[in-house]
């Protein structure tokens, strides 16, 4: 597996109280859980699987900010 890269994770609850975790620098990499801890554990696993799939396909692993659009508010 490649070197470890820290990833920012968006963590919030939906209208039903389910915790949602999204990784902006890895489009489509998201998960959820009944608790905050569950969502964080699942997103860690999702990040590993996502990056392993990129490596297996010979694709570039995005940096933390490669795919994030910054919006001035």
PDB file of N, CA and C in Angstrom:
ATOM      1  N   UNK A   1       0.846  -1.184   0.000  1.00  0.00           N
ATOM      2  CA  UNK A   1       0.000   0.000   0.000  1.00  0.00           C
ATOM      3  C   UNK A   1       0.883   1.236   0.000  1.00  0.00           C
ATOM      4  N   UNK A   2       0.385   2.320  -0.506  1.00  0.00           N
ATOM      5  CA  UNK A   2       1.139   3.559  -0.604  1.00  0.00           C
ATOM      6  C   UNK A   2       1.329   4.197   0.770  1.00  0.00           C
ATOM      7  N   UNK A   3       2.166   5.254   0.774  1.00  0.00           N
ATOM      8  CA  UNK A   3       2.389   5.969   2.022  1.00  0.00           C
ATOM      9  C   UNK A   3       1.090   6.580   2.511  1.00  0.00           C
ATOM     10  N   UNK A   4       1.021   6.774   3.809  1.00  0.00           N
ATOM     11  CA  UNK A   4      -0.191   7.330   4.413  1.00  0.00           C
ATOM     12  C   UNK A   4      -0.280   8.820   4.118  1.00  0.00           C
ATOM     13  N   UNK A   5      -1.455   9.264   3.698  1.00  0.00           N
ATOM     14  CA  UNK A   5      -1.727  10.678   3.466  1.00  0.00           C
ATOM     15  C   UNK A   5      -2.937  11.032   4.322  1.00  0.00           C
ATOM     16  N   UNK A   6      -2.819  12.099   5.067  1.00  0.00           N
ATOM     17  CA  UNK A   6      -3.965  12.554   5.858  1.00  0.00           C
ATOM     18  C   UNK A   6      -5.050  13.059   4.915  1.00  0.00           C
ATOM     19  N   UNK A   7      -6.284  12.805   5.258  1.00  0.00           N
ATOM     20  CA  UNK A   7      -7.428  13.250   4.462  1.00  0.00           C
ATOM     21  C   UNK A   7      -8.394  14.014   5.340  1.00  0.00           C
ATOM     22  N   UNK A   8      -8.896  15.110   4.818  1.00  0.00           N
ATOM     23  CA  UNK A   8      -9.974  15.812   5.497  1.00  0.00           C
ATOM     24  C   UNK A   8     -11.260  15.037   5.268  1.00  0.00           C
ATOM     25  N   UNK A   9     -12.049  14.925   6.311  1.00  0.00           N
ATOM     26  CA  UNK A   9     -13.319  14.207   6.245  1.00  0.00           C
ATOM     27  C   UNK A   9     -14.424  15.151   6.704  1.00  0.00           C
ATOM     28  N   UNK A  10     -15.462  15.260   5.883  1.00  0.00           N
ATOM     29  CA  UNK A  10     -16.660  16.000   6.286  1.00  0.00           C
ATOM     30  C   UNK A  10     -17.540  15.031   7.063  1.00  0.00           C
ATOM     31  N   UNK A  11     -17.929  15.428   8.246  1.00  0.00           N
ATOM     32  CA  UNK A  11     -18.710  14.555   9.116  1.00  0.00           C
ATOM     33  C   UNK A  11     -19.926  15.329   9.613  1.00  0.00           C
ATOM     34  N   UNK A  12     -21.110  14.778   9.369  1.00  0.00           N
ATOM     35  CA  UNK A  12     -22.339  15.457   9.758  1.00  0.00           C
ATOM     36  C   UNK A  12     -23.463  14.440   9.898  1.00  0.00           C
ATOM     37  N   UNK A  13     -24.566  14.860  10.481  1.00  0.00           N
ATOM     38  CA  UNK A  13     -25.723  13.974  10.590  1.00  0.00           C
ATOM     39  C   UNK A  13     -26.788  14.394   9.586  1.00  0.00           C
ATOM     40  N   UNK A  14     -27.507  13.401   9.097  1.00  0.00           N
ATOM     41  CA  UNK A  14     -28.604  13.702   8.177  1.00  0.00           C
ATOM     42  C   UNK A  14     -29.886  13.927   8.974  1.00  0.00           C
ATOM     43  N   UNK A  15     -30.999  14.104   8.266  1.00  0.00           N
ATOM     44  CA  UNK A  15     -32.264  14.411   8.929  1.00  0.00           C
ATOM     45  C   UNK A  15     -32.774  13.280   9.821  1.00  0.00           C
ATOM     46  N   UNK A  16     -32.244  12.061   9.618  1.00  0.00           N
ATOM     47  CA  UNK A  16     -32.642  10.918  10.441  1.00  0.00           C
ATOM     48  C   UNK A  16     -31.664  10.643  11.577  1.00  0.00           C
ATOM     49  N   UNK A  17     -30.628  11.486  11.706  1.00  0.00           N
ATOM     50  CA  UNK A  17     -29.647  11.303  12.770  1.00  0.00           C
ATOM     51  C   UNK A  17     -28.523  10.340  12.430  1.00  0.00           C
ATOM     52  N   UNK A  18     -28.453   9.890  11.184  1.00  0.00           N
ATOM     53  CA  UNK A  18     -27.370   9.004  10.745  1.00  0.00           C
ATOM     54  C   UNK A  18     -26.134   9.860  10.474  1.00  0.00           C
ATOM     55  N   UNK A  19     -24.982   9.388  10.934  1.00  0.00           N
ATOM     56  CA  UNK A  19     -23.726  10.106  10.703  1.00  0.00           C
ATOM     57  C   UNK A  19     -23.215   9.814   9.300  1.00  0.00           C
ATOM     58  N   UNK A  20     -22.907  10.854   8.551  1.00  0.00           N
ATOM     59  CA  UNK A  20     -22.392  10.759   7.186  1.00  0.00           C
ATOM     60  C   UNK A  20     -20.940  11.228   7.190  1.00  0.00           C
ATOM     61  N   UNK A  21     -20.072  10.492   6.492  1.00  0.00           N
ATOM     62  CA  UNK A  21     -18.662  10.872   6.359  1.00  0.00           C
ATOM     63  C   UNK A  21     -18.319  10.911   4.879  1.00  0.00           C
ATOM     64  N   UNK A  22     -17.732  12.013   4.425  1.00  0.00           N
ATOM     65  CA  UNK A  22     -17.341  12.192   3.023  1.00  0.00           C
ATOM     66  C   UNK A  22     -15.900  12.669   2.963  1.00  0.00           C
ATOM     67  N   UNK A  23     -15.190  12.246   1.907  1.00  0.00           N
ATOM     68  CA  UNK A  23     -13.802  12.663   1.698  1.00  0.00           C
ATOM     69  C   UNK A  23     -13.760  13.503   0.419  1.00  0.00           C
ATOM     70  N   UNK A  24     -13.695  14.833   0.541  1.00  0.00           N
ATOM     71  CA  UNK A  24     -13.743  15.702  -0.638  1.00  0.00           C
ATOM     72  C   UNK A  24     -12.641  15.430  -1.654  1.00  0.00           C
ATOM     73  N   UNK A  25     -11.457  15.035  -1.210  1.00  0.00           N
ATOM     74  CA  UNK A  25     -10.351  14.821  -2.151  1.00  0.00           C
ATOM     75  C   UNK A  25     -10.437  13.481  -2.870  1.00  0.00           C
ATOM     76  N   UNK A  26     -11.393  12.629  -2.478  1.00  0.00           N
ATOM     77  CA  UNK A  26     -11.604  11.343  -3.139  1.00  0.00           C
ATOM     78  C   UNK A  26     -13.076  11.277  -3.564  1.00  0.00           C
ATOM     79  N   UNK A  27     -13.398  11.818  -4.716  1.00  0.00           N
ATOM     80  CA  UNK A  27     -14.793  11.891  -5.157  1.00  0.00           C
ATOM     81  C   UNK A  27     -15.510  10.539  -5.090  1.00  0.00           C
ATOM     82  N   UNK A  28     -16.657  10.540  -4.438  1.00  0.00           N
ATOM     83  CA  UNK A  28     -17.443   9.325  -4.307  1.00  0.00           C
ATOM     84  C   UNK A  28     -17.071   8.472  -3.108  1.00  0.00           C
ATOM     85  N   UNK A  29     -16.040   8.868  -2.377  1.00  0.00           N
ATOM     86  CA  UNK A  29     -15.629   8.119  -1.190  1.00  0.00           C
ATOM     87  C   UNK A  29     -16.419   8.653  -0.004  1.00  0.00           C
ATOM     88  N   UNK A  30     -17.407   7.879   0.418  1.00  0.00           N
ATOM     89  CA  UNK A  30     -18.228   8.283   1.544  1.00  0.00           C
ATOM     90  C   UNK A  30     -18.722   7.061   2.282  1.00  0.00           C
ATOM     91  N   UNK A  31     -19.212   7.272   3.472  1.00  0.00           N
ATOM     92  CA  UNK A  31     -19.742   6.195   4.286  1.00  0.00           C
ATOM     93  C   UNK A  31     -20.713   6.780   5.298  1.00  0.00           C
ATOM     94  N   UNK A  32     -21.230   5.939   6.169  1.00  0.00           N
ATOM     95  CA  UNK A  32     -22.183   6.386   7.176  1.00  0.00           C
ATOM     96  C   UNK A  32     -22.140   5.434   8.358  1.00  0.00           C
ATOM     97  N   UNK A  33     -22.765   5.835   9.449  1.00  0.00           N
ATOM     98  CA  UNK A  33     -22.843   4.977  10.628  1.00  0.00           C
ATOM     99  C   UNK A  33     -23.903   5.466  11.589  1.00  0.00           C
ATOM    100  N   UNK A  34     -24.281   4.595  12.481  1.00  0.00           N
ATOM    101  CA  UNK A  34     -25.264   4.941  13.507  1.00  0.00           C
ATOM    102  C   UNK A  34     -24.671   5.918  14.516  1.00  0.00           C
ATOM    103  N   UNK A  35     -23.348   5.825  14.736  1.00  0.00           N
ATOM    104  CA  UNK A  35     -22.664   6.722  15.662  1.00  0.00           C
ATOM    105  C   UNK A  35     -21.523   7.417  14.922  1.00  0.00           C
ATOM    106  N   UNK A  36     -21.011   8.476  15.533  1.00  0.00           N
ATOM    107  CA  UNK A  36     -19.875   9.204  14.968  1.00  0.00           C
ATOM    108  C   UNK A  36     -18.680   8.269  14.804  1.00  0.00           C
ATOM    109  N   UNK A  37     -18.393   7.487  15.839  1.00  0.00           N
ATOM    110  CA  UNK A  37     -17.263   6.568  15.811  1.00  0.00           C
ATOM    111  C   UNK A  37     -17.424   5.517  14.715  1.00  0.00           C
ATOM    112  N   UNK A  38     -18.629   5.012  14.558  1.00  0.00           N
ATOM    113  CA  UNK A  38     -18.904   4.021  13.518  1.00  0.00           C
ATOM    114  C   UNK A  38     -18.656   4.616  12.130  1.00  0.00           C
ATOM    115  N   UNK A  39     -19.138   5.836  11.908  1.00  0.00           N
ATOM    116  CA  UNK A  39     -18.938   6.498  10.617  1.00  0.00           C
ATOM    117  C   UNK A  39     -17.444   6.715  10.359  1.00  0.00           C
ATOM    118  N   UNK A  40     -16.687   7.124  11.365  1.00  0.00           N
ATOM    119  CA  UNK A  40     -15.254   7.348  11.196  1.00  0.00           C
ATOM    120  C   UNK A  40     -14.510   6.042  10.914  1.00  0.00           C
ATOM    121  N   UNK A  41     -14.859   4.981  11.606  1.00  0.00           N
ATOM    122  CA  UNK A  41     -14.229   3.685  11.337  1.00  0.00           C
ATOM    123  C   UNK A  41     -14.519   3.210   9.915  1.00  0.00           C
ATOM    124  N   UNK A  42     -15.753   3.394   9.486  1.00  0.00           N
ATOM    125  CA  UNK A  42     -16.130   2.962   8.143  1.00  0.00           C
ATOM    126  C   UNK A  42     -15.461   3.806   7.056  1.00  0.00           C
ATOM    127  N   UNK A  43     -15.304   5.108   7.305  1.00  0.00           N
ATOM    128  CA  UNK A  43     -14.680   5.945   6.274  1.00  0.00           C
ATOM    129  C   UNK A  43     -13.193   5.634   6.178  1.00  0.00           C
ATOM    130  N   UNK A  44     -12.554   5.285   7.283  1.00  0.00           N
ATOM    131  CA  UNK A  44     -11.145   4.869   7.221  1.00  0.00           C
ATOM    132  C   UNK A  44     -10.999   3.656   6.302  1.00  0.00           C
ATOM    133  N   UNK A  45     -11.882   2.692   6.463  1.00  0.00           N
ATOM    134  CA  UNK A  45     -11.861   1.506   5.615  1.00  0.00           C
ATOM    135  C   UNK A  45     -12.161   1.863   4.155  1.00  0.00           C
ATOM    136  N   UNK A  46     -13.127   2.753   3.947  1.00  0.00           N
ATOM    137  CA  UNK A  46     -13.488   3.168   2.586  1.00  0.00           C
ATOM    138  C   UNK A  46     -12.312   3.860   1.898  1.00  0.00           C
ATOM    139  N   UNK A  47     -11.565   4.677   2.639  1.00  0.00           N
ATOM    140  CA  UNK A  47     -10.400   5.354   2.073  1.00  0.00           C
ATOM    141  C   UNK A  47      -9.355   4.326   1.643  1.00  0.00           C
ATOM    142  N   UNK A  48      -9.091   3.342   2.489  1.00  0.00           N
ATOM    143  CA  UNK A  48      -8.119   2.299   2.147  1.00  0.00           C
ATOM    144  C   UNK A  48      -8.523   1.551   0.885  1.00  0.00           C
ATOM    145  N   UNK A  49      -9.787   1.149   0.805  1.00  0.00           N
ATOM    146  CA  UNK A  49     -10.279   0.406  -0.361  1.00  0.00           C
ATOM    147  C   UNK A  49     -10.220   1.274  -1.618  1.00  0.00           C
ATOM    148  N   UNK A  50     -10.592   2.527  -1.501  1.00  0.00           N
ATOM    149  CA  UNK A  50     -10.578   3.470  -2.625  1.00  0.00           C
ATOM    150  C   UNK A  50      -9.168   3.594  -3.186  1.00  0.00           C
ATOM    151  N   UNK A  51      -8.199   3.822  -2.288  1.00  0.00           N
ATOM    152  CA  UNK A  51      -6.811   4.000  -2.731  1.00  0.00           C
ATOM    153  C   UNK A  51      -6.239   2.710  -3.290  1.00  0.00           C
ATOM    154  N   UNK A  52      -6.553   1.575  -2.686  1.00  0.00           N
ATOM    155  CA  UNK A  52      -6.099   0.284  -3.219  1.00  0.00           C
ATOM    156  C   UNK A  52      -6.621   0.063  -4.636  1.00  0.00           C
ATOM    157  N   UNK A  53      -7.887   0.437  -4.884  1.00  0.00           N
ATOM    158  CA  UNK A  53      -8.464   0.287  -6.222  1.00  0.00           C
ATOM    159  C   UNK A  53      -7.736   1.172  -7.229  1.00  0.00           C
ATOM    160  N   UNK A  54      -7.408   2.408  -6.840  1.00  0.00           N
ATOM    161  CA  UNK A  54      -6.657   3.292  -7.732  1.00  0.00           C
ATOM    162  C   UNK A  54      -5.295   2.681  -8.058  1.00  0.00           C
ATOM    163  N   UNK A  55      -4.612   2.168  -7.046  1.00  0.00           N
ATOM    164  CA  UNK A  55      -3.299   1.564  -7.247  1.00  0.00           C
ATOM    165  C   UNK A  55      -3.380   0.351  -8.180  1.00  0.00           C
ATOM    166  N   UNK A  56      -4.380  -0.496  -7.971  1.00  0.00           N
ATOM    167  CA  UNK A  56      -4.546  -1.683  -8.807  1.00  0.00           C
ATOM    168  C   UNK A  56      -4.816  -1.319 -10.262  1.00  0.00           C
ATOM    169  N   UNK A  57      -5.508  -0.213 -10.468  1.00  0.00           N
ATOM    170  CA  UNK A  57      -5.820   0.234 -11.824  1.00  0.00           C
ATOM    171  C   UNK A  57      -4.718   1.104 -12.429  1.00  0.00           C
ATOM    172  N   UNK A  58      -3.647   1.335 -11.653  1.00  0.00           N
ATOM    173  CA  UNK A  58      -2.536   2.147 -12.142  1.00  0.00           C
ATOM    174  C   UNK A  58      -2.876   3.621 -12.270  1.00  0.00           C
ATOM    175  N   UNK A  59      -3.843   4.082 -11.499  1.00  0.00           N
ATOM    176  CA  UNK A  59      -4.273   5.476 -11.567  1.00  0.00           C
ATOM    177  C   UNK A  59      -3.573   6.314 -10.496  1.00  0.00           C
ATOM    178  N   UNK A  60      -3.521   7.598 -10.721  1.00  0.00           N
ATOM    179  CA  UNK A  60      -2.905   8.524  -9.787  1.00  0.00           C
ATOM    180  C   UNK A  60      -3.780   8.689  -8.549  1.00  0.00           C
ATOM    181  N   UNK A  61      -3.150   8.686  -7.398  1.00  0.00           N
ATOM    182  CA  UNK A  61      -3.860   8.912  -6.150  1.00  0.00           C
ATOM    183  C   UNK A  61      -3.894  10.422  -5.914  1.00  0.00           C
ATOM    184  N   UNK A  62      -5.083  11.003  -5.845  1.00  0.00           N
ATOM    185  CA  UNK A  62      -5.178  12.456  -5.668  1.00  0.00           C
ATOM    186  C   UNK A  62      -4.551  12.907  -4.352  1.00  0.00           C
ATOM    187  N   UNK A  63      -3.942  14.091  -4.393  1.00  0.00           N
ATOM    188  CA  UNK A  63      -3.478  14.712  -3.163  1.00  0.00           C
ATOM    189  C   UNK A  63      -4.673  15.237  -2.396  1.00  0.00           C
ATOM    190  N   UNK A  64      -4.434  15.711  -1.215  1.00  0.00           N
ATOM    191  CA  UNK A  64      -5.538  16.164  -0.364  1.00  0.00           C
ATOM    192  C   UNK A  64      -6.389  17.238  -1.028  1.00  0.00           C
ATOM    193  N   UNK A  65      -5.775  18.144  -1.787  1.00  0.00           N
ATOM    194  CA  UNK A  65      -6.539  19.266  -2.332  1.00  0.00           C
ATOM    195  C   UNK A  65      -6.652  19.240  -3.853  1.00  0.00           C
ATOM    196  N   UNK A  66      -6.272  18.142  -4.501  1.00  0.00           N
ATOM    197  CA  UNK A  66      -6.320  18.071  -5.951  1.00  0.00           C
ATOM    198  C   UNK A  66      -7.725  18.220  -6.534  1.00  0.00           C
ATOM    199  N   UNK A  67      -8.719  17.693  -5.858  1.00  0.00           N
ATOM    200  CA  UNK A  67     -10.078  17.664  -6.421  1.00  0.00           C
ATOM    201  C   UNK A  67     -11.072  18.501  -5.629  1.00  0.00           C
ATOM    202  N   UNK A  68     -10.569  19.432  -4.833  1.00  0.00           N
ATOM    203  CA  UNK A  68     -11.458  20.228  -3.999  1.00  0.00           C
ATOM    204  C   UNK A  68     -11.588  21.625  -4.591  1.00  0.00           C
ATOM    205  N   UNK A  69     -12.795  22.041  -4.805  1.00  0.00           N
ATOM    206  CA  UNK A  69     -13.054  23.387  -5.315  1.00  0.00           C
ATOM    207  C   UNK A  69     -13.283  24.316  -4.120  1.00  0.00           C
ATOM    208  N   UNK A  70     -12.459  25.326  -4.007  1.00  0.00           N
ATOM    209  CA  UNK A  70     -12.606  26.286  -2.925  1.00  0.00           C
ATOM    210  C   UNK A  70     -13.553  27.384  -3.356  1.00  0.00           C
ATOM    211  N   UNK A  71     -14.517  27.690  -2.526  1.00  0.00           N
ATOM    212  CA  UNK A  71     -15.518  28.693  -2.838  1.00  0.00           C
ATOM    213  C   UNK A  71     -15.408  29.820  -1.816  1.00  0.00           C
ATOM    214  N   UNK A  72     -15.299  31.038  -2.285  1.00  0.00           N
ATOM    215  CA  UNK A  72     -15.283  32.196  -1.381  1.00  0.00           C
ATOM    216  C   UNK A  72     -16.706  32.517  -0.983  1.00  0.00           C
ATOM    217  N   UNK A  73     -16.907  32.666   0.315  1.00  0.00           N
ATOM    218  CA  UNK A  73     -18.265  32.893   0.796  1.00  0.00           C
ATOM    219  C   UNK A  73     -18.556  34.283   1.195  1.00  0.00           C
TER     220      UNK A  73
END
